[in-house]
Amino acid sequence: MVAKLKRTGIVELRLAAGPVPHYREIVKLSGPILAVLVQEFGTKEVIKRFSDPLWLNCFACAVGFEWQFSGLTTVPLKAAKEALEKENLGLKIVGGKGRESKAVQQIPRVADELGLRERQVKQLEEASKLTCKVDTCELQDNQQLYFHVMLLDEKGNFTTINQKLSVEQGTVRRFHWIPNPKQFVEEPYQALVGKEQKAVLNLTSKESKECRKTILDLVRDEQPEKLERTLITLDRKRAQTTLLRFTGFRLVKLPYWLEIPKKLNLEALRIARELRPEKFRNLLLIRGMGPATLRGLAYISDLIYGTKSSFRDPIRYTFAFGTKANRPYPVQKKAMREVADILKQAVEEARLGKPEKLKAIRRLKRFLG
């Protein structure tokens, strides 16, 4: 199950195709539900609830959508967006799927309707760009971003929900951002749900902090052509062997989406050297600073300067014992019984004044979290 942490989360779902025959009814029902929520709790609390992946699942089920399919994200949020256009609740949704995913283009109009100031509009536009850049460039997991929405209110509160697609695996991942994040580039999620991958390049991790600092030093101080030559002259086999050791996983070779890139975007690096960004978020916002260039810089930092980057998937919560539908794997009945016995015994011993086992479980939680 999903615990309340500082991050908001990632959900992995099955792809679904075809029309939704009751879409109009979903829009019609979403409006009153959102109106009641705003009336009872206010817009800031509603935004906070949408930042919780399990709450969004429940909302989708309440308006008649299947919990385990990718449309659980796209359809209810599209319907909620349409419903909010008809309501004067001080709450709006921008973005969507495909062409609609350019939330940054919709922000000025919606911000004007909400009465937001110019400074707030610029902050929201930057947040829209940053959340997409972080989820595609900082966290490289062989999935493509295809859905991006932001929930905004009249005080400038917001949260972002992004969704990425893996055609190979036939699944999507949903990224929920904490409301009003104070910083974007380090562990910006709250509760992470899904099927863990063996290795991803995770520059959002605290473990990658020194790597991010070194990347900034590289783009400020080194000629772009020199950086590319450094990358090209790396002994590929030796470099990959070293990177594999850094990942901490038993992999024969790096997945193709994590391979050392053959070239860097020199124009983006020239702009970065001219601008000399002081913060990593400013580097991400430079046009052309894409996944391959950032990955190349991370590997130069790792292999040449010894600043480690994380290869661990930030997912922390998943289906603990499988599901009836064998997704992501069959139910593990024996494991369920064993864990039930352990927990039952821990509680019984705690009631008898022997809390050691329960405390050990709490320590395990801290270790894993």
Protein backbone atom coordinates (compact mmCIF):
# COMPACT_ATOMS: atom_id res chain seq x y z
CA MET A 1 0.00 0.00 0.00
CA VAL A 2 1.06 3.61 -0.43
CA ALA A 3 2.34 5.37 2.64
CA LYS A 4 2.34 9.10 3.19
CA LEU A 5 5.82 10.33 2.36
CA LYS A 6 7.34 13.51 1.09
CA ARG A 7 6.98 12.53 -2.54
CA THR A 8 3.86 11.99 -4.65
CA GLY A 9 4.06 9.01 -6.92
CA ILE A 10 4.44 6.86 -9.91
CA VAL A 11 1.77 4.35 -10.96
CA GLU A 12 2.23 1.66 -13.61
CA LEU A 13 -0.91 0.63 -15.53
CA ARG A 14 -1.99 -1.46 -18.54
CA LEU A 15 -2.56 0.22 -21.88
CA ALA A 16 -6.17 0.43 -23.08
CA ALA A 17 -7.62 1.38 -26.47
CA GLY A 18 -11.04 2.30 -27.80
CA PRO A 19 -13.71 4.92 -27.01
CA VAL A 20 -15.39 5.49 -23.66
CA PRO A 21 -19.15 5.13 -24.25
CA HIS A 22 -20.13 6.90 -21.02
CA TYR A 23 -17.69 9.83 -21.31
CA ARG A 24 -20.43 12.47 -21.18
CA GLU A 25 -21.71 10.97 -17.96
CA ILE A 26 -18.18 11.06 -16.50
CA VAL A 27 -17.99 14.80 -17.25
CA LYS A 28 -21.45 15.38 -15.82
CA LEU A 29 -20.67 13.51 -12.59
CA SER A 30 -17.18 14.98 -12.16
CA GLY A 31 -18.47 18.54 -11.92
CA PRO A 32 -20.69 18.08 -8.82
CA ILE A 33 -18.08 15.87 -7.13
CA LEU A 34 -15.41 18.55 -7.55
CA ALA A 35 -17.85 21.27 -6.47
CA VAL A 36 -18.60 19.41 -3.22
CA LEU A 37 -14.89 18.82 -2.57
CA VAL A 38 -14.06 22.50 -3.07
CA GLN A 39 -17.01 23.55 -0.93
CA GLU A 40 -16.02 21.21 1.91
CA PHE A 41 -12.23 21.39 1.82
CA GLY A 42 -11.10 24.24 -0.44
CA THR A 43 -9.09 24.19 -3.67
CA LYS A 44 -5.70 23.68 -2.01
CA GLU A 45 -6.87 20.44 -0.40
CA VAL A 46 -8.40 19.23 -3.68
CA ILE A 47 -5.05 19.82 -5.42
CA LYS A 48 -3.31 17.90 -2.64
CA ARG A 49 -5.71 14.98 -3.10
CA PHE A 50 -5.08 14.81 -6.83
CA SER A 51 -1.37 14.62 -6.04
CA ASP A 52 -2.04 11.29 -4.31
CA PRO A 53 -2.02 8.44 -6.88
CA LEU A 54 -4.39 6.22 -4.88
CA TRP A 55 -6.86 9.06 -4.38
CA LEU A 56 -6.90 9.65 -8.14
CA ASN A 57 -7.54 5.92 -8.64
CA CYS A 58 -10.52 6.16 -6.28
CA PHE A 59 -11.83 9.25 -8.06
CA ALA A 60 -11.60 7.46 -11.40
CA CYS A 61 -13.46 4.44 -10.05
CA ALA A 62 -16.13 6.73 -8.58
CA VAL A 63 -16.86 8.18 -12.01
CA GLY A 64 -16.98 4.75 -13.64
CA PHE A 65 -13.52 3.88 -14.90
CA GLU A 66 -11.50 0.64 -14.53
CA TRP A 67 -8.77 0.96 -11.94
CA GLN A 68 -6.04 -1.00 -13.74
CA PHE A 69 -5.98 0.64 -17.19
CA SER A 70 -4.00 3.62 -18.47
CA GLY A 71 -7.19 5.49 -19.35
CA LEU A 72 -7.79 5.76 -15.61
CA THR A 73 -5.49 8.79 -15.79
CA THR A 74 -6.26 10.36 -19.14
CA VAL A 75 -10.06 9.98 -19.28
CA PRO A 76 -11.11 11.16 -15.77
CA LEU A 77 -8.63 14.07 -15.87
CA LYS A 78 -9.85 15.12 -19.30
CA ALA A 79 -13.42 14.90 -18.02
CA ALA A 80 -12.50 16.87 -14.88
CA LYS A 81 -10.86 19.53 -17.06
CA GLU A 82 -14.05 19.91 -19.11
CA ALA A 83 -16.22 19.93 -15.99
CA LEU A 84 -14.11 22.67 -14.38
CA GLU A 85 -14.39 24.81 -17.51
CA LYS A 86 -18.13 24.96 -16.83
CA GLU A 87 -17.78 25.60 -13.09
CA ASN A 88 -16.62 28.73 -11.26
CA LEU A 89 -14.77 26.95 -8.45
CA GLY A 90 -11.43 28.77 -8.50
CA LEU A 91 -9.84 25.53 -9.73
CA LYS A 92 -8.71 24.68 -13.28
CA ILE A 93 -6.81 21.99 -15.18
CA VAL A 94 -4.43 22.66 -18.06
CA GLY A 95 -2.71 20.21 -20.37
CA GLY A 96 -3.72 16.74 -21.43
CA LYS A 97 -2.76 14.11 -23.99
CA GLY A 98 -1.00 14.64 -27.32
CA ARG A 99 -1.41 18.21 -28.57
CA GLU A 100 -3.19 19.14 -25.36
CA SER A 101 -0.10 18.20 -23.32
CA LYS A 102 1.40 21.65 -23.98
CA ALA A 103 0.06 22.92 -20.67
CA VAL A 104 2.44 25.87 -20.74
CA GLN A 105 0.52 27.34 -23.70
CA GLN A 106 -2.79 27.16 -21.81
CA ILE A 107 -1.56 28.68 -18.55
CA PRO A 108 -1.88 32.41 -19.47
CA ARG A 109 -5.57 32.09 -20.43
CA VAL A 110 -6.48 30.03 -17.38
CA ALA A 111 -4.37 32.22 -15.09
CA ASP A 112 -6.28 35.25 -16.36
CA GLU A 113 -9.57 33.53 -15.50
CA LEU A 114 -8.24 32.76 -12.01
CA GLY A 115 -6.93 36.29 -11.50
CA LEU A 116 -3.29 35.28 -11.06
CA ARG A 117 -0.49 37.85 -11.19
CA GLU A 118 2.17 37.95 -13.91
CA ARG A 119 4.83 36.65 -11.51
CA GLN A 120 2.66 33.63 -10.66
CA VAL A 121 2.04 32.96 -14.36
CA LYS A 122 5.78 32.85 -15.05
CA GLN A 123 6.35 30.53 -12.08
CA LEU A 124 3.64 28.16 -13.33
CA GLU A 125 5.00 28.17 -16.88
CA GLU A 126 8.47 27.33 -15.58
CA ALA A 127 7.03 24.60 -13.33
CA SER A 128 5.25 23.04 -16.32
CA LYS A 129 8.48 22.91 -18.34
CA LEU A 130 10.57 21.71 -15.40
CA THR A 131 8.32 18.84 -14.36
CA CYS A 132 8.40 17.52 -17.92
CA LYS A 133 12.18 17.93 -18.21
CA VAL A 134 12.80 16.22 -14.86
CA ASP A 135 10.57 13.25 -15.70
CA THR A 136 12.15 12.74 -19.14
CA CYS A 137 15.79 13.83 -18.69
CA GLU A 138 16.65 13.39 -15.01
CA LEU A 139 14.80 10.09 -14.70
CA GLN A 140 15.64 7.95 -17.74
CA ASP A 141 13.63 4.73 -17.74
CA ASN A 142 12.96 3.92 -21.43
CA GLN A 143 9.48 5.45 -21.27
CA GLN A 144 8.16 8.37 -23.29
CA LEU A 145 6.18 11.26 -21.82
CA TYR A 146 2.83 11.58 -23.59
CA PHE A 147 0.48 13.06 -20.98
CA HIS A 148 0.99 16.17 -18.86
CA VAL A 149 -1.54 18.10 -16.78
CA MET A 150 -1.40 20.72 -14.04
CA LEU A 151 -4.12 21.56 -11.53
CA LEU A 152 -4.14 25.26 -10.60
CA ASP A 153 -6.14 27.39 -8.22
CA GLU A 154 -6.68 31.15 -7.79
CA LYS A 155 -3.92 31.39 -5.17
CA GLY A 156 -1.29 29.88 -7.45
CA ASN A 157 -1.27 26.44 -5.80
CA PHE A 158 -0.59 23.62 -8.25
CA THR A 159 0.37 20.03 -8.74
CA THR A 160 1.52 18.13 -11.83
CA ILE A 161 0.55 14.68 -13.08
CA ASN A 162 2.69 13.24 -15.87
CA GLN A 163 2.34 9.91 -17.63
CA LYS A 164 4.96 8.03 -19.62
CA LEU A 165 4.47 5.18 -22.09
CA SER A 166 6.44 2.00 -22.79
CA VAL A 167 5.33 0.45 -26.08
CA GLU A 168 7.61 -2.55 -25.50
CA GLN A 169 6.11 -3.43 -22.12
CA GLY A 170 2.58 -2.27 -22.92
CA THR A 171 2.43 -0.21 -19.71
CA VAL A 172 2.43 3.39 -18.56
CA ARG A 173 3.85 5.08 -15.47
CA ARG A 174 2.15 7.95 -13.72
CA PHE A 175 4.22 10.63 -11.99
CA HIS A 176 2.53 12.68 -9.26
CA TRP A 177 4.36 15.77 -8.03
CA ILE A 178 4.09 17.21 -4.56
CA PRO A 179 1.90 20.35 -4.49
CA ASN A 180 3.90 23.58 -4.77
CA PRO A 181 7.36 21.93 -4.77
CA LYS A 182 10.07 24.18 -3.35
CA GLN A 183 12.66 22.50 -5.49
CA PHE A 184 12.29 20.34 -8.57
CA VAL A 185 15.49 18.46 -9.28
CA GLU A 186 15.90 16.29 -6.17
CA GLU A 187 13.33 13.63 -5.20
CA PRO A 188 10.27 15.66 -6.21
CA TYR A 189 7.77 12.78 -5.90
CA GLN A 190 5.84 11.62 -2.86
CA ALA A 191 4.53 8.04 -3.07
CA LEU A 192 5.97 5.77 -5.77
CA VAL A 193 3.88 2.89 -7.10
CA GLY A 194 4.62 0.46 -9.92
CA LYS A 195 6.82 -2.32 -11.22
CA GLU A 196 10.44 -1.61 -10.36
CA GLN A 197 12.97 -1.71 -13.20
CA LYS A 198 16.42 -3.20 -12.76
CA ALA A 199 18.25 -0.02 -13.68
CA VAL A 200 17.35 3.55 -14.58
CA LEU A 201 19.46 6.69 -14.60
CA ASN A 202 18.07 8.59 -11.65
CA LEU A 203 19.63 12.02 -11.31
CA THR A 204 16.76 13.08 -9.03
CA SER A 205 18.18 10.92 -6.25
CA LYS A 206 20.02 12.43 -3.30
CA GLU A 207 22.78 9.97 -4.20
CA SER A 208 23.24 11.93 -7.46
CA LYS A 209 23.70 15.32 -5.77
CA GLU A 210 27.47 15.51 -6.34
CA CYS A 211 26.99 14.32 -9.91
CA ARG A 212 24.57 17.19 -10.57
CA LYS A 213 27.09 19.67 -9.12
CA THR A 214 29.89 18.28 -11.31
CA ILE A 215 27.69 18.48 -14.41
CA LEU A 216 27.13 22.18 -13.70
CA ASP A 217 30.88 22.69 -13.33
CA LEU A 218 31.51 20.88 -16.61
CA VAL A 219 29.08 22.92 -18.69
CA ARG A 220 30.30 26.21 -17.16
CA ASP A 221 34.03 25.58 -17.43
CA GLU A 222 34.70 23.17 -20.31
CA GLN A 223 34.47 23.76 -24.05
CA PRO A 224 31.56 21.77 -25.54
CA GLU A 225 33.86 20.23 -28.16
CA LYS A 226 36.23 19.04 -25.43
CA LEU A 227 33.34 17.40 -23.55
CA GLU A 228 32.27 15.56 -26.69
CA ARG A 229 35.85 14.45 -27.41
CA THR A 230 36.11 13.16 -23.84
CA LEU A 231 32.96 11.13 -24.36
CA ILE A 232 34.11 9.76 -27.73
CA THR A 233 37.58 8.80 -26.51
CA LEU A 234 36.25 6.75 -23.59
CA ASP A 235 37.05 3.06 -24.03
CA ARG A 236 33.46 1.92 -24.51
CA LYS A 237 33.87 -1.61 -23.17
CA ARG A 238 35.93 -0.51 -20.18
CA ALA A 239 33.58 2.39 -19.48
CA GLN A 240 30.51 0.16 -19.62
CA THR A 241 32.14 -2.36 -17.27
CA THR A 242 32.83 0.43 -14.81
CA LEU A 243 29.32 1.82 -15.09
CA LEU A 244 27.88 -1.64 -14.52
CA ARG A 245 29.88 -1.85 -11.30
CA PHE A 246 28.51 1.55 -10.27
CA THR A 247 24.90 0.47 -10.84
CA GLY A 248 25.11 -2.21 -8.16
CA PHE A 249 23.07 -4.64 -10.28
CA ARG A 250 23.97 -7.91 -11.94
CA LEU A 251 23.66 -6.83 -15.55
CA VAL A 252 25.59 -8.31 -18.48
CA LYS A 253 25.40 -4.96 -20.26
CA LEU A 254 23.65 -1.65 -19.87
CA PRO A 255 20.13 -1.49 -21.34
CA TYR A 256 20.24 0.22 -24.73
CA TRP A 257 18.49 3.33 -23.39
CA LEU A 258 21.30 3.76 -20.82
CA GLU A 259 24.21 3.21 -23.22
CA ILE A 260 26.93 5.86 -23.46
CA PRO A 261 25.71 8.32 -26.14
CA LYS A 262 27.76 8.77 -29.29
CA LYS A 263 27.48 12.57 -29.27
CA LEU A 264 26.29 15.58 -27.29
CA ASN A 265 24.13 18.54 -28.29
CA LEU A 266 26.91 21.05 -28.79
CA GLU A 267 24.57 23.99 -29.34
CA ALA A 268 22.85 23.38 -26.00
CA LEU A 269 26.26 23.13 -24.32
CA ARG A 270 27.40 26.39 -25.93
CA ILE A 271 24.30 28.13 -24.58
CA ALA A 272 24.93 26.60 -21.15
CA ARG A 273 28.55 27.78 -21.15
CA GLU A 274 27.44 31.29 -22.07
CA LEU A 275 24.64 31.42 -19.48
CA ARG A 276 26.70 29.70 -16.76
CA PRO A 277 23.65 28.35 -14.85
CA GLU A 278 24.06 28.35 -11.08
CA LYS A 279 21.25 25.85 -10.51
CA PHE A 280 20.59 22.48 -12.12
CA ARG A 281 16.98 23.47 -12.83
CA ASN A 282 18.25 26.29 -15.06
CA LEU A 283 20.40 23.82 -16.98
CA LEU A 284 17.38 21.58 -17.60
CA LEU A 285 15.42 24.49 -19.05
CA ILE A 286 18.00 25.15 -21.79
CA ARG A 287 16.59 24.25 -25.19
CA GLY A 288 18.21 21.08 -26.57
CA MET A 289 19.39 19.79 -23.18
CA GLY A 290 17.83 16.37 -23.71
CA PRO A 291 18.22 12.88 -22.21
CA ALA A 292 21.25 11.81 -24.29
CA THR A 293 23.28 14.95 -23.57
CA LEU A 294 22.46 14.88 -19.86
CA ARG A 295 23.27 11.16 -19.70
CA GLY A 296 26.59 11.78 -21.45
CA LEU A 297 27.48 14.52 -18.96
CA ALA A 298 26.51 12.25 -16.06
CA TYR A 299 28.77 9.48 -17.37
CA ILE A 300 31.71 11.87 -17.88
CA SER A 301 31.16 13.06 -14.32
CA ASP A 302 30.98 9.47 -13.12
CA LEU A 303 33.84 7.90 -15.06
CA ILE A 304 36.33 10.77 -15.20
CA TYR A 305 35.68 12.70 -12.00
CA GLY A 306 34.33 9.93 -9.78
CA THR A 307 31.04 11.55 -8.76
CA LYS A 308 28.50 8.74 -8.64
CA SER A 309 25.01 8.88 -10.09
CA SER A 310 22.12 6.69 -8.96
CA PHE A 311 20.85 3.83 -11.11
CA ARG A 312 18.05 2.84 -8.74
CA ASP A 313 14.45 3.16 -9.80
CA PRO A 314 12.72 5.64 -7.45
CA ILE A 315 9.64 3.42 -7.27
CA ARG A 316 9.08 2.40 -3.65
CA TYR A 317 5.57 1.00 -3.62
CA THR A 318 4.10 -1.66 -5.87
CA PHE A 319 1.74 -4.62 -5.80
CA ALA A 320 3.32 -6.39 -2.85
CA PHE A 321 2.22 -9.94 -3.73
CA GLY A 322 0.96 -9.79 -7.33
CA THR A 323 -2.66 -9.63 -8.50
CA LYS A 324 -5.48 -11.90 -9.64
CA ALA A 325 -4.87 -10.81 -13.25
CA ASN A 326 -1.18 -11.84 -12.99
CA ARG A 327 -0.14 -8.18 -13.40
CA PRO A 328 2.70 -7.44 -12.82
CA TYR A 329 3.04 -11.07 -11.64
CA PRO A 330 0.83 -13.87 -10.19
CA VAL A 331 -0.36 -13.75 -6.59
CA GLN A 332 2.23 -15.18 -4.18
CA LYS A 333 -0.03 -16.90 -1.64
CA LYS A 334 2.74 -18.43 0.43
CA ALA A 335 4.48 -15.06 0.86
CA MET A 336 1.16 -13.48 1.89
CA ARG A 337 0.64 -16.13 4.59
CA GLU A 338 4.20 -15.79 5.86
CA VAL A 339 4.01 -12.00 6.14
CA ALA A 340 0.61 -12.24 7.84
CA ASP A 341 2.09 -14.63 10.43
CA ILE A 342 5.08 -12.34 11.04
CA LEU A 343 2.89 -9.28 11.55
CA LYS A 344 0.41 -11.16 13.76
CA GLN A 345 3.22 -12.50 15.93
CA ALA A 346 4.84 -9.05 16.20
CA VAL A 347 1.58 -7.48 17.37
CA GLU A 348 0.87 -10.26 19.88
CA GLU A 349 4.37 -10.02 21.37
CA ALA A 350 4.08 -6.22 21.60
CA ARG A 351 0.85 -6.65 23.60
CA LEU A 352 2.74 -8.94 25.97
CA GLY A 353 5.40 -6.32 26.56
CA LYS A 354 7.88 -7.63 23.98
CA PRO A 355 7.95 -4.92 21.30
CA GLU A 356 11.31 -5.89 19.78
CA LYS A 357 9.89 -7.50 16.65
CA LEU A 358 7.50 -4.62 15.99
CA LYS A 359 10.37 -2.16 16.43
CA ALA A 360 12.42 -4.22 13.97
CA ILE A 361 9.63 -3.87 11.41
CA ARG A 362 9.61 -0.11 11.95
CA ARG A 363 13.39 -0.02 11.43
CA LEU A 364 12.95 -2.01 8.22
CA LYS A 365 10.45 0.61 7.02
CA ARG A 366 12.99 3.39 7.66
CA PHE A 367 15.69 1.38 5.87
CA LEU A 368 13.52 0.86 2.78
CA GLY A 369 12.04 4.38 2.71
